[in-house]
């Protein structure tokens, strides 16, 4: 079995012959995975073995013969993670021993494993302050162990990430369309008398779980922040619930200090950087838009019904709804007019008859087409490369400027190239384009033109970072770095020598007898 690289967009989707073995049948993720597999026509079976029992895992695999294994099992506690504080041995068995067992057995038997983990291992800190937009990336290690649940999850991720067959998905505050489910974050907080109000990353399962199946098809591995882009505060979630579901709903806030008095363990709050996931799956919605869609559409049409009548049929017919959406942009009727549903109604003789009708009304169809066209409008990617450029010849500065002009001349209307100085000798080349590969090729041409020009004058160019797609976070970090360098280069009080300091030790010059010496 070859495992897909952790890069974005290079892995190929596997075709037919899929069969999934899923652990965590009684959990919300495991249960929803089964529903998605049924809707997409993917054969699957739930594992009956205990994760802490290696032999039972091997027996399940021998019986099912899966192509992929999904681990959605684990100890999270009921009604919440405080349970783990009082049941530490059971938590260790499930979250540590069990997770390691299934990863090891799958590797032993040549199977890829999708591991639904958690993002509750991070807490806002000085490098990732709340409200800054700087989220924790997949390369960051857990900085939070305030609860026993988070401690075990951080511990096991640090170990499981060494298995090259495992795809680790950091789920955070999961929300989904079943507002009555006790694991739904919305259901949890509408049941609390008081809530804190802090922005956090969140995972809309209705949108992202189908993507996790697509990740399995592509054999993607490594760690992924499995959250929608952006953050939502508790109040924002509750405001949307009030606006779209229950206009009479009310709630109260309290502080973290007040919250700590009623909890056995503190809770973490964080923003996870979802750039990596967004680059692989550009169709993912920002968290606020996704949560609005989750609760009710502007046509008062329940999204669960939309999935049943439109979403899942499109998955079955096109392999992925995204492929159908691309067609809908230019020819919506060819896709949506083929969708039908059966309605039972009394016939002329009073007997019940089944009538085939369009799956959606014209009103819903128009709303869908409008939204799909807006969402599918391509967004330009920013491609950046970092280089060091030096020229110590006479007029070296002029030669560098000429090399910069040659780099920018290598751009075109579709991929205009810009190059700017960060701090000598570091420069960055950037372009914005709808085509990632074209952008990378164009920047490589610009680097080659710049290199040729500067080497002609015996200068040197070294590529520090190859052309790659960058996020808003990368731009923000670059801007902060440039600002810091500017501040470091500015003269501050005390940098200038005073006149008295300059005169010290020089004595007084006898102008009339300047040629004869200095008067002491």
Protein backbone atom coordinates (compact mmCIF):
# COMPACT_ATOMS: atom_id res chain seq x y z
CA UNK A 1 0.00 0.00 0.00
CA UNK A 2 1.33 3.42 -0.97
CA UNK A 3 0.31 6.25 1.30
CA UNK A 4 -0.46 9.67 -0.12
CA UNK A 5 1.93 12.48 0.58
CA UNK A 6 1.02 15.19 3.05
CA UNK A 7 1.15 17.75 0.25
CA UNK A 8 -1.95 19.42 -1.14
CA UNK A 9 -3.51 18.47 -4.44
CA UNK A 10 -1.00 15.81 -5.55
CA UNK A 11 -2.76 12.71 -4.34
CA UNK A 12 -5.03 10.85 -6.76
CA UNK A 13 -8.50 9.76 -5.74
CA UNK A 14 -8.86 6.00 -5.55
CA UNK A 15 -11.54 4.44 -7.70
CA UNK A 16 -13.77 1.47 -7.02
CA UNK A 17 -13.07 -1.43 -4.69
CA UNK A 18 -13.34 0.53 -1.45
CA UNK A 19 -14.40 -1.11 1.79
CA UNK A 20 -14.23 0.63 5.15
CA UNK A 21 -13.86 -0.77 8.65
CA UNK A 22 -15.17 1.79 11.17
CA UNK A 23 -14.64 1.88 14.95
CA UNK A 24 -16.87 4.06 17.12
CA UNK A 25 -20.34 2.97 16.05
CA UNK A 26 -22.09 4.48 19.07
CA UNK A 27 -20.35 7.84 18.76
CA UNK A 28 -21.62 10.74 16.67
CA UNK A 29 -18.73 10.63 14.18
CA UNK A 30 -18.82 6.86 13.77
CA UNK A 31 -22.59 6.88 13.33
CA UNK A 32 -22.50 9.69 10.78
CA UNK A 33 -19.71 7.94 8.85
CA UNK A 34 -21.96 4.91 8.39
CA UNK A 35 -24.76 7.12 7.05
CA UNK A 36 -22.40 8.79 4.58
CA UNK A 37 -21.06 5.43 3.37
CA UNK A 38 -24.60 4.19 2.82
CA UNK A 39 -25.49 7.34 0.88
CA UNK A 40 -22.36 7.08 -1.27
CA UNK A 41 -22.74 3.34 -1.82
CA UNK A 42 -19.44 2.49 -0.10
CA UNK A 43 -19.37 -0.97 1.54
CA UNK A 44 -18.48 -0.73 5.23
CA UNK A 45 -18.63 -2.61 8.49
CA UNK A 46 -18.40 -1.56 12.12
CA UNK A 47 -15.62 -3.16 14.13
CA UNK A 48 -16.68 -5.36 17.02
CA UNK A 49 -13.24 -5.68 18.62
CA UNK A 50 -11.96 -3.61 21.53
CA UNK A 51 -9.20 -1.18 20.61
CA UNK A 52 -7.10 -2.23 23.59
CA UNK A 53 -7.22 -5.86 22.37
CA UNK A 54 -4.84 -6.32 19.42
CA UNK A 55 -6.06 -9.81 18.59
CA UNK A 56 -9.67 -8.65 18.28
CA UNK A 57 -8.53 -5.91 15.87
CA UNK A 58 -6.68 -8.45 13.74
CA UNK A 59 -9.78 -10.66 13.73
CA UNK A 60 -11.98 -7.77 12.54
CA UNK A 61 -9.58 -6.98 9.71
CA UNK A 62 -9.34 -10.64 8.69
CA UNK A 63 -13.15 -10.88 8.58
CA UNK A 64 -13.92 -7.58 6.80
CA UNK A 65 -10.89 -7.31 4.46
CA UNK A 66 -11.08 -3.48 4.42
CA UNK A 67 -9.17 -1.11 2.18
CA UNK A 68 -9.21 1.56 4.91
CA UNK A 69 -9.78 1.67 8.67
CA UNK A 70 -11.44 4.60 10.49
CA UNK A 71 -10.90 5.15 14.21
CA UNK A 72 -13.71 7.34 15.56
CA UNK A 73 -13.63 5.70 19.00
CA UNK A 74 -12.26 7.18 22.20
CA UNK A 75 -13.11 8.31 25.71
CA UNK A 76 -14.54 11.83 25.80
CA UNK A 77 -16.82 11.36 28.80
CA UNK A 78 -20.49 11.93 29.37
CA UNK A 79 -21.91 14.50 29.68
CA UNK A 80 -18.50 16.11 29.09
CA UNK A 81 -14.75 15.63 29.54
CA UNK A 82 -14.83 16.05 33.32
CA UNK A 83 -15.67 12.33 33.32
CA UNK A 84 -12.07 11.64 32.28
CA UNK A 85 -10.78 13.30 35.47
CA UNK A 86 -12.46 10.59 37.55
CA UNK A 87 -11.92 7.66 35.16
CA UNK A 88 -8.29 7.99 34.25
CA UNK A 89 -7.51 4.30 33.68
CA UNK A 90 -10.42 3.87 31.26
CA UNK A 91 -9.36 7.08 29.51
CA UNK A 92 -5.78 5.79 29.11
CA UNK A 93 -7.01 2.45 27.74
CA UNK A 94 -9.18 4.11 25.11
CA UNK A 95 -7.27 7.26 24.20
CA UNK A 96 -3.69 6.01 24.46
CA UNK A 97 -3.39 2.22 24.41
CA UNK A 98 -6.32 1.71 22.02
CA UNK A 99 -5.21 4.45 19.61
CA UNK A 100 -1.65 3.08 19.50
CA UNK A 101 -2.88 -0.48 19.06
CA UNK A 102 -5.03 0.22 16.03
CA UNK A 103 -2.34 2.39 14.40
CA UNK A 104 0.24 -0.34 14.92
CA UNK A 105 -2.00 -3.20 13.75
CA UNK A 106 -3.01 -1.26 10.62
CA UNK A 107 0.62 -0.57 9.78
CA UNK A 108 1.47 -4.21 10.40
CA UNK A 109 -1.27 -5.28 7.96
CA UNK A 110 -0.55 -2.58 5.35
CA UNK A 111 -3.72 -0.54 5.88
CA UNK A 112 -4.23 3.23 5.97
CA UNK A 113 -5.92 4.57 9.11
CA UNK A 114 -8.05 7.69 9.43
CA UNK A 115 -7.80 8.77 13.08
CA UNK A 116 -10.34 11.31 14.34
CA UNK A 117 -8.43 13.04 17.11
CA UNK A 118 -8.99 16.44 18.71
CA UNK A 119 -7.81 20.03 18.55
CA UNK A 120 -8.42 20.42 22.28
CA UNK A 121 -4.68 20.26 22.92
CA UNK A 122 -3.92 23.94 22.44
CA UNK A 123 -4.62 27.15 24.30
CA UNK A 124 -4.12 30.76 23.23
CA UNK A 125 -0.60 31.93 24.15
CA UNK A 126 1.85 34.76 23.43
CA UNK A 127 2.68 33.40 19.97
CA UNK A 128 -0.99 32.71 19.16
CA UNK A 129 -2.95 35.45 20.94
CA UNK A 130 -6.73 35.46 20.89
CA UNK A 131 -8.14 37.56 18.07
CA UNK A 132 -4.84 37.77 16.16
CA UNK A 133 -5.80 35.37 13.38
CA UNK A 134 -2.58 33.44 14.02
CA UNK A 135 -3.66 29.85 14.53
CA UNK A 136 -1.80 26.75 15.63
CA UNK A 137 -0.50 24.81 12.63
CA UNK A 138 -0.08 21.08 12.07
CA UNK A 139 3.60 21.45 12.99
CA UNK A 140 2.82 22.83 16.46
CA UNK A 141 2.95 20.46 19.42
CA UNK A 142 0.34 20.50 22.15
CA UNK A 143 0.80 23.34 24.63
CA UNK A 144 -2.13 22.43 26.87
CA UNK A 145 -2.60 19.65 29.42
CA UNK A 146 -5.07 21.31 31.80
CA UNK A 147 -7.53 18.42 31.50
CA UNK A 148 -6.72 14.71 31.60
CA UNK A 149 -8.56 14.25 28.29
CA UNK A 150 -6.35 16.83 26.56
CA UNK A 151 -3.25 15.38 28.18
CA UNK A 152 -3.91 11.89 26.80
CA UNK A 153 -4.78 13.23 23.35
CA UNK A 154 -1.64 15.34 23.13
CA UNK A 155 0.45 12.41 24.30
CA UNK A 156 -0.97 9.95 21.77
CA UNK A 157 -0.75 12.36 18.82
CA UNK A 158 2.94 12.87 19.53
CA UNK A 159 3.39 9.10 19.20
CA UNK A 160 0.92 8.20 16.42
CA UNK A 161 2.27 10.89 14.08
CA UNK A 162 5.33 8.66 13.60
CA UNK A 163 3.17 6.07 11.79
CA UNK A 164 3.37 6.84 8.07
CA UNK A 165 0.05 5.06 7.41
CA UNK A 166 -2.05 7.31 9.66
CA UNK A 167 -4.05 10.43 8.78
CA UNK A 168 -4.70 12.37 12.01
CA UNK A 169 -7.69 14.73 11.92
CA UNK A 170 -7.89 17.32 14.70
CA UNK A 171 -11.63 17.79 15.29
CA UNK A 172 -12.73 20.76 17.37
CA UNK A 173 -16.11 21.53 19.01
CA UNK A 174 -18.11 19.45 16.49
CA UNK A 175 -21.42 20.82 15.20
CA UNK A 176 -23.89 18.95 12.98
CA UNK A 177 -27.45 19.12 11.75
CA UNK A 178 -28.97 16.90 14.45
CA UNK A 179 -29.58 19.59 17.06
CA UNK A 180 -30.97 17.00 19.50
CA UNK A 181 -27.74 14.95 19.69
CA UNK A 182 -25.96 15.30 23.03
CA UNK A 183 -22.53 15.46 21.31
CA UNK A 184 -23.52 18.44 19.20
CA UNK A 185 -21.75 21.56 20.47
CA UNK A 186 -24.91 23.59 19.80
CA UNK A 187 -27.01 21.16 21.84
CA UNK A 188 -24.48 21.35 24.67
CA UNK A 189 -24.31 25.09 25.05
CA UNK A 190 -28.04 25.78 24.62
CA UNK A 191 -28.52 23.52 27.64
CA UNK A 192 -26.16 25.46 29.89
CA UNK A 193 -27.50 28.14 32.18
CA UNK A 194 -24.45 30.32 31.51
CA UNK A 195 -21.65 30.16 28.92
CA UNK A 196 -18.29 31.86 28.41
CA UNK A 197 -17.81 33.90 25.25
CA UNK A 198 -14.48 33.11 23.58
CA UNK A 199 -13.67 32.65 19.86
CA UNK A 200 -12.71 29.09 18.92
CA UNK A 201 -12.11 26.94 15.87
CA UNK A 202 -14.95 24.49 15.17
CA UNK A 203 -15.74 21.52 12.93
CA UNK A 204 -19.01 21.31 10.99
CA UNK A 205 -19.33 17.54 10.61
CA UNK A 206 -22.00 17.66 7.88
CA UNK A 207 -19.49 19.42 5.66
CA UNK A 208 -16.16 17.93 6.73
CA UNK A 209 -16.94 14.24 7.35
CA UNK A 210 -17.58 13.61 3.63
CA UNK A 211 -14.23 15.30 3.03
CA UNK A 212 -12.56 12.86 5.43
CA UNK A 213 -13.82 10.03 3.22
CA UNK A 214 -12.35 11.84 0.21
CA UNK A 215 -9.06 12.08 2.14
CA UNK A 216 -9.16 8.32 2.61
CA UNK A 217 -9.73 7.84 -1.11
CA UNK A 218 -6.67 10.01 -1.77
CA UNK A 219 -4.66 8.11 0.87
CA UNK A 220 -3.64 11.37 2.56
CA UNK A 221 -1.61 11.00 5.74
CA UNK A 222 -0.05 13.17 8.43
CA UNK A 223 -1.68 15.69 10.77
CA UNK A 224 -4.54 17.91 9.55
CA UNK A 225 -6.36 20.66 11.41
CA UNK A 226 -9.87 19.39 10.63
CA UNK A 227 -11.80 22.61 11.19
CA UNK A 228 -13.59 25.16 9.05
CA UNK A 229 -11.56 28.33 8.41
CA UNK A 230 -11.95 31.08 10.99
CA UNK A 231 -13.37 31.16 14.50
CA UNK A 232 -16.74 31.62 16.19
CA UNK A 233 -17.47 32.72 19.73
CA UNK A 234 -20.05 31.03 21.93
CA UNK A 235 -22.29 34.08 21.64
CA UNK A 236 -22.11 34.05 17.84
CA UNK A 237 -23.23 30.41 17.76
CA UNK A 238 -26.10 31.12 20.15
CA UNK A 239 -27.12 34.24 18.23
CA UNK A 240 -27.42 32.17 15.05
CA UNK A 241 -29.42 29.54 16.92
CA UNK A 242 -31.77 32.28 18.11
CA UNK A 243 -32.02 33.89 14.68
CA UNK A 244 -32.55 30.70 12.68
CA UNK A 245 -34.12 28.18 15.06
CA UNK A 246 -35.61 29.57 18.28
CA UNK A 247 -36.35 33.34 18.32
CA UNK A 248 -37.27 33.14 22.03
CA UNK A 249 -33.95 31.63 23.13
CA UNK A 250 -32.00 33.56 25.79
CA UNK A 251 -28.73 32.97 27.61
CA UNK A 252 -26.28 34.53 30.06
CA UNK A 253 -22.50 34.81 30.04
CA UNK A 254 -19.96 34.32 32.77
CA UNK A 255 -16.17 34.63 33.03
CA UNK A 256 -13.49 31.94 32.80
CA UNK A 257 -12.88 32.39 36.53
CA UNK A 258 -16.56 31.75 37.27
CA UNK A 259 -16.55 28.79 34.87
CA UNK A 260 -13.56 27.23 36.63
CA UNK A 261 -15.54 27.06 39.88
CA UNK A 262 -18.08 24.64 38.39
CA UNK A 263 -15.71 22.44 36.35
CA UNK A 264 -13.45 19.62 37.50
CA UNK A 265 -10.88 20.61 34.85
CA UNK A 266 -10.34 23.84 32.90
CA UNK A 267 -11.13 24.07 29.18
CA UNK A 268 -8.79 25.19 26.43
CA UNK A 269 -9.61 27.81 23.81
CA UNK A 270 -7.76 28.16 20.53
CA UNK A 271 -7.69 28.90 16.82
CA UNK A 272 -6.35 26.20 14.50
CA UNK A 273 -4.86 27.22 11.16
CA UNK A 274 -6.86 25.36 8.48
CA UNK A 275 -4.77 26.58 5.52
CA UNK A 276 -3.47 23.10 4.71
CA UNK A 277 -6.98 21.62 4.55
CA UNK A 278 -8.34 24.60 2.58
CA UNK A 279 -5.61 24.27 -0.05
CA UNK A 280 -6.48 20.58 -0.52
CA UNK A 281 -10.24 21.21 -0.51
CA UNK A 282 -10.94 24.80 -1.67
CA UNK A 283 -14.71 24.28 -1.43
CA UNK A 284 -14.68 24.29 2.40
CA UNK A 285 -16.80 27.14 3.76
CA UNK A 286 -15.71 29.59 6.48
CA UNK A 287 -17.07 28.54 9.85
CA UNK A 288 -19.73 31.25 10.14
CA UNK A 289 -21.23 30.52 6.72
CA UNK A 290 -21.14 26.80 7.34
CA UNK A 291 -22.93 27.10 10.69
CA UNK A 292 -25.61 29.32 9.17
CA UNK A 293 -26.14 26.72 6.44
CA UNK A 294 -26.16 24.02 9.10
CA UNK A 295 -29.08 25.41 11.02
CA UNK A 296 -31.53 26.66 8.40
CA UNK A 297 -31.27 28.02 4.88
CA UNK A 298 -32.91 31.28 3.80
CA UNK A 299 -35.76 29.23 2.32
CA UNK A 300 -36.63 27.62 5.66
CA UNK A 301 -35.60 24.31 4.13
CA UNK A 302 -33.90 21.90 6.55
CA UNK A 303 -30.40 21.07 5.39
CA UNK A 304 -30.82 17.46 6.39
CA UNK A 305 -33.58 17.19 3.80
CA UNK A 306 -31.38 18.93 1.23
CA UNK A 307 -28.66 16.35 1.83
CA UNK A 308 -31.12 13.48 1.42
CA UNK A 309 -32.69 14.86 -1.76
CA UNK A 310 -29.69 16.57 -3.38
CA UNK A 311 -26.34 16.07 -1.61
CA UNK A 312 -26.19 12.31 -1.31
CA UNK A 313 -27.68 11.62 -4.78
CA UNK A 314 -25.01 13.88 -6.29
CA UNK A 315 -22.30 11.98 -4.42
CA UNK A 316 -23.64 8.69 -5.78
CA UNK A 317 -23.86 9.94 -9.35
CA UNK A 318 -20.71 12.06 -9.63
CA UNK A 319 -18.42 10.52 -6.99
CA UNK A 320 -18.25 13.86 -5.18
CA UNK A 321 -20.80 16.68 -5.02
CA UNK A 322 -18.02 19.13 -5.90
CA UNK A 323 -17.89 17.66 -9.41
CA UNK A 324 -21.62 18.28 -9.81
CA UNK A 325 -21.27 21.83 -8.49
CA UNK A 326 -18.74 22.61 -11.23
CA UNK A 327 -21.35 21.65 -13.83
CA UNK A 328 -24.13 23.56 -12.04
CA UNK A 329 -22.17 26.81 -12.42
CA UNK A 330 -22.75 26.79 -16.22
CA UNK A 331 -25.60 24.31 -16.73
CA UNK A 332 -27.70 23.86 -13.56
CA UNK A 333 -30.70 22.25 -15.28
CA UNK A 334 -28.66 19.30 -16.56
CA UNK A 335 -27.86 18.37 -12.96
CA UNK A 336 -30.76 19.53 -10.79
CA UNK A 337 -33.61 18.63 -13.16
CA UNK A 338 -32.56 14.97 -13.01
CA UNK A 339 -33.13 14.83 -9.23
CA UNK A 340 -36.54 13.53 -8.18
CA UNK A 341 -38.27 12.28 -5.07
CA UNK A 342 -41.33 10.13 -4.46
CA UNK A 343 -44.42 11.57 -2.79
CA UNK A 344 -47.34 9.46 -1.62
CA UNK A 345 -50.80 10.97 -2.07
CA UNK A 346 -54.41 9.80 -2.39
CA UNK A 347 -55.40 8.77 -5.94
CA UNK A 348 -58.73 9.38 -7.72
CA UNK A 349 -60.15 6.17 -6.26
CA UNK A 350 -59.02 7.02 -2.75
CA UNK A 351 -56.10 4.57 -2.85
CA UNK A 352 -52.62 5.80 -2.01
CA UNK A 353 -50.42 6.31 -5.07
CA UNK A 354 -46.77 7.26 -5.49
CA UNK A 355 -45.97 10.28 -7.60
CA UNK A 356 -42.50 11.21 -8.82
CA UNK A 357 -41.87 14.96 -8.39
CA UNK A 358 -38.83 17.27 -8.64
CA UNK A 359 -36.55 16.91 -5.62
CA UNK A 360 -36.68 20.64 -4.89
CA UNK A 361 -38.95 23.56 -5.61
CA UNK A 362 -37.98 26.29 -8.06
CA UNK A 363 -37.40 28.62 -5.10
CA UNK A 364 -34.91 26.24 -3.50
CA UNK A 365 -33.31 25.50 -6.86
CA UNK A 366 -32.74 29.21 -7.55
CA UNK A 367 -31.24 29.70 -4.07
CA UNK A 368 -28.92 26.73 -4.56
CA UNK A 369 -27.70 27.87 -7.97
CA UNK A 370 -27.10 31.38 -6.67
CA UNK A 371 -25.06 30.13 -3.70
CA UNK A 372 -23.12 27.54 -5.69
CA UNK A 373 -22.14 30.08 -8.33
CA UNK A 374 -20.98 32.49 -5.64
CA UNK A 375 -19.00 29.84 -3.75
CA UNK A 376 -17.44 28.36 -6.87
CA UNK A 377 -16.03 31.67 -8.09
CA UNK A 378 -12.28 30.99 -8.17
CA UNK A 379 -10.20 32.84 -5.59
CA UNK A 380 -6.65 33.80 -6.56
CA UNK A 381 -3.82 32.08 -4.73
CA UNK A 382 -0.73 33.95 -3.61
CA UNK A 383 2.53 32.21 -4.57
CA UNK A 384 5.74 33.30 -2.86
CA UNK A 385 9.44 32.50 -3.01
CA UNK A 386 12.19 33.77 -0.70
CA UNK A 387 15.68 34.47 -2.05
CA UNK A 388 18.95 36.01 -0.91
CA UNK A 389 20.68 38.27 -3.46
CA UNK A 390 24.11 39.91 -3.14
CA UNK A 391 26.44 41.86 -5.44
CA UNK A 392 29.67 43.36 -4.11
CA UNK A 393 30.82 44.83 -7.43
CA UNK A 394 31.00 48.57 -8.16
CA UNK A 395 27.41 49.82 -8.58
CA UNK A 396 26.20 46.58 -6.95
CA UNK A 397 22.96 48.24 -5.85
CA UNK A 398 22.18 49.21 -9.44
CA UNK A 399 22.91 45.69 -10.63
CA UNK A 400 20.51 44.29 -7.99
CA UNK A 401 17.79 46.71 -9.10
CA UNK A 402 18.28 45.62 -12.70
CA UNK A 403 18.01 41.96 -11.65
CA UNK A 404 14.77 42.79 -9.83
CA UNK A 405 13.40 44.38 -13.01
CA UNK A 406 14.29 41.26 -14.98
CA UNK A 407 12.44 39.13 -12.42
CA UNK A 408 9.29 41.24 -12.70
CA UNK A 409 9.55 41.19 -16.50
CA UNK A 410 9.22 37.40 -16.39
CA UNK A 411 5.61 37.77 -15.22
CA UNK A 412 2.55 38.04 -17.45
CA UNK A 413 -1.03 39.28 -17.29
CA UNK A 414 -2.23 36.07 -15.63
CA UNK A 415 0.72 35.91 -13.21
CA UNK A 416 2.23 39.35 -12.57
CA UNK A 417 5.46 39.09 -10.59
CA UNK A 418 6.49 41.46 -7.81
CA UNK A 419 9.80 41.42 -5.94
CA UNK A 420 10.55 43.45 -2.84
CA UNK A 421 13.28 43.80 -0.27
CA UNK A 422 12.65 42.40 3.21
CA UNK A 423 16.07 43.24 4.66
CA UNK A 424 19.43 42.89 2.87
CA UNK A 425 20.11 40.37 1.47
CA UNK A 426 16.59 38.83 1.73
CA UNK A 427 13.98 39.44 -1.00
CA UNK A 428 10.56 37.93 -1.67
CA UNK A 429 9.00 37.26 -5.07
CA UNK A 430 5.21 37.00 -5.22
CA UNK A 431 2.45 36.48 -7.75
CA UNK A 432 -1.32 36.02 -7.55
CA UNK A 433 -3.01 33.53 -9.85
CA UNK A 434 -6.00 31.22 -10.20
CA UNK A 435 -3.68 28.41 -11.35
CA UNK A 436 -1.30 27.24 -8.64
CA UNK A 437 0.98 25.30 -11.00
CA UNK A 438 1.20 28.21 -13.44
CA UNK A 439 2.09 30.53 -10.58
CA UNK A 440 4.91 28.28 -9.42
CA UNK A 441 6.26 27.93 -12.97
CA UNK A 442 6.16 31.72 -13.45
CA UNK A 443 8.03 32.41 -10.20
CA UNK A 444 10.67 29.83 -11.15
CA UNK A 445 11.13 31.68 -14.47
CA UNK A 446 11.41 34.97 -12.59
CA UNK A 447 14.05 33.49 -10.27
CA UNK A 448 15.98 32.18 -13.28
CA UNK A 449 15.88 35.61 -14.98
CA UNK A 450 16.96 37.33 -11.77
CA UNK A 451 19.78 34.82 -11.25
CA UNK A 452 21.08 35.28 -14.79
CA UNK A 453 21.05 39.06 -14.49
CA UNK A 454 22.86 39.22 -11.14
CA UNK A 455 25.43 36.56 -12.02
CA UNK A 456 26.28 38.55 -15.15
CA UNK A 457 27.68 41.15 -12.76
CA UNK A 458 29.38 38.53 -10.57
CA UNK A 459 26.62 38.64 -7.96
CA UNK A 460 24.91 35.68 -6.36
CA UNK A 461 21.32 34.57 -5.77
CA UNK A 462 20.37 31.75 -3.40
CA UNK A 463 16.82 30.41 -3.15
CA UNK A 464 15.92 30.13 0.55
CA UNK A 465 12.28 29.02 0.07
CA UNK A 466 11.01 27.52 -3.18
CA UNK A 467 7.80 28.95 -4.76
CA UNK A 468 4.75 27.75 -2.81
CA UNK A 469 1.20 28.80 -2.01
CA UNK A 470 0.99 30.96 1.10
CA UNK A 471 -1.85 31.98 3.39
CA UNK A 472 -2.94 35.24 5.01
CA UNK A 473 -1.14 34.05 8.12
CA UNK A 474 2.14 33.80 6.18
CA UNK A 475 1.64 37.33 4.86
CA UNK A 476 0.92 38.60 8.35
CA UNK A 477 4.07 36.95 9.74
CA UNK A 478 6.13 38.42 6.89
CA UNK A 479 4.72 41.90 7.54
CA UNK A 480 5.50 41.58 11.25
CA UNK A 481 9.04 40.42 10.43
CA UNK A 482 9.58 43.38 8.10
CA UNK A 483 8.21 45.81 10.70
CA UNK A 484 10.56 44.38 13.31
CA UNK A 485 13.55 44.77 11.00
CA UNK A 486 12.58 48.37 10.26
CA UNK A 487 12.32 49.12 13.97
CA UNK A 488 15.68 47.49 14.63
CA UNK A 489 17.29 49.66 11.96
CA UNK A 490 15.84 52.92 13.22
CA UNK A 491 18.13 55.12 15.34
CA UNK A 492 16.98 55.46 18.90
CA UNK A 493 17.98 57.89 21.66
CA UNK A 494 21.57 57.22 22.64
CA UNK A 495 22.68 56.00 19.21
CA UNK A 496 24.17 59.40 18.29
CA UNK A 497 27.46 60.45 19.88
CA UNK A 498 27.16 63.75 21.77
CA UNK A 499 29.44 66.65 20.97
CA UNK A 500 31.08 66.26 24.35
CA UNK A 501 31.76 62.60 23.69
CA UNK A 502 33.26 63.40 20.29
CA UNK A 503 35.63 65.97 21.88
CA UNK A 504 36.75 63.80 24.75
CA UNK A 505 40.51 63.13 24.60
CA UNK A 506 41.10 65.32 21.55
CA UNK A 507 42.41 68.42 23.36
CA UNK A 508 42.12 71.90 21.83
CA UNK A 509 43.49 72.63 18.40
CA UNK A 510 45.80 75.67 18.12
CA UNK A 511 44.59 76.99 14.79
CA UNK A 512 47.46 79.43 14.44
CA UNK A 513 50.06 76.71 15.07
CA UNK A 514 48.08 73.79 13.70
CA UNK A 515 51.11 72.36 12.10
CA UNK A 516 53.02 72.22 15.40
CA UNK A 517 50.75 70.10 17.55
CA UNK A 518 47.94 70.08 20.05
CA UNK A 519 47.69 72.21 23.18
CA UNK A 520 46.92 70.13 26.27
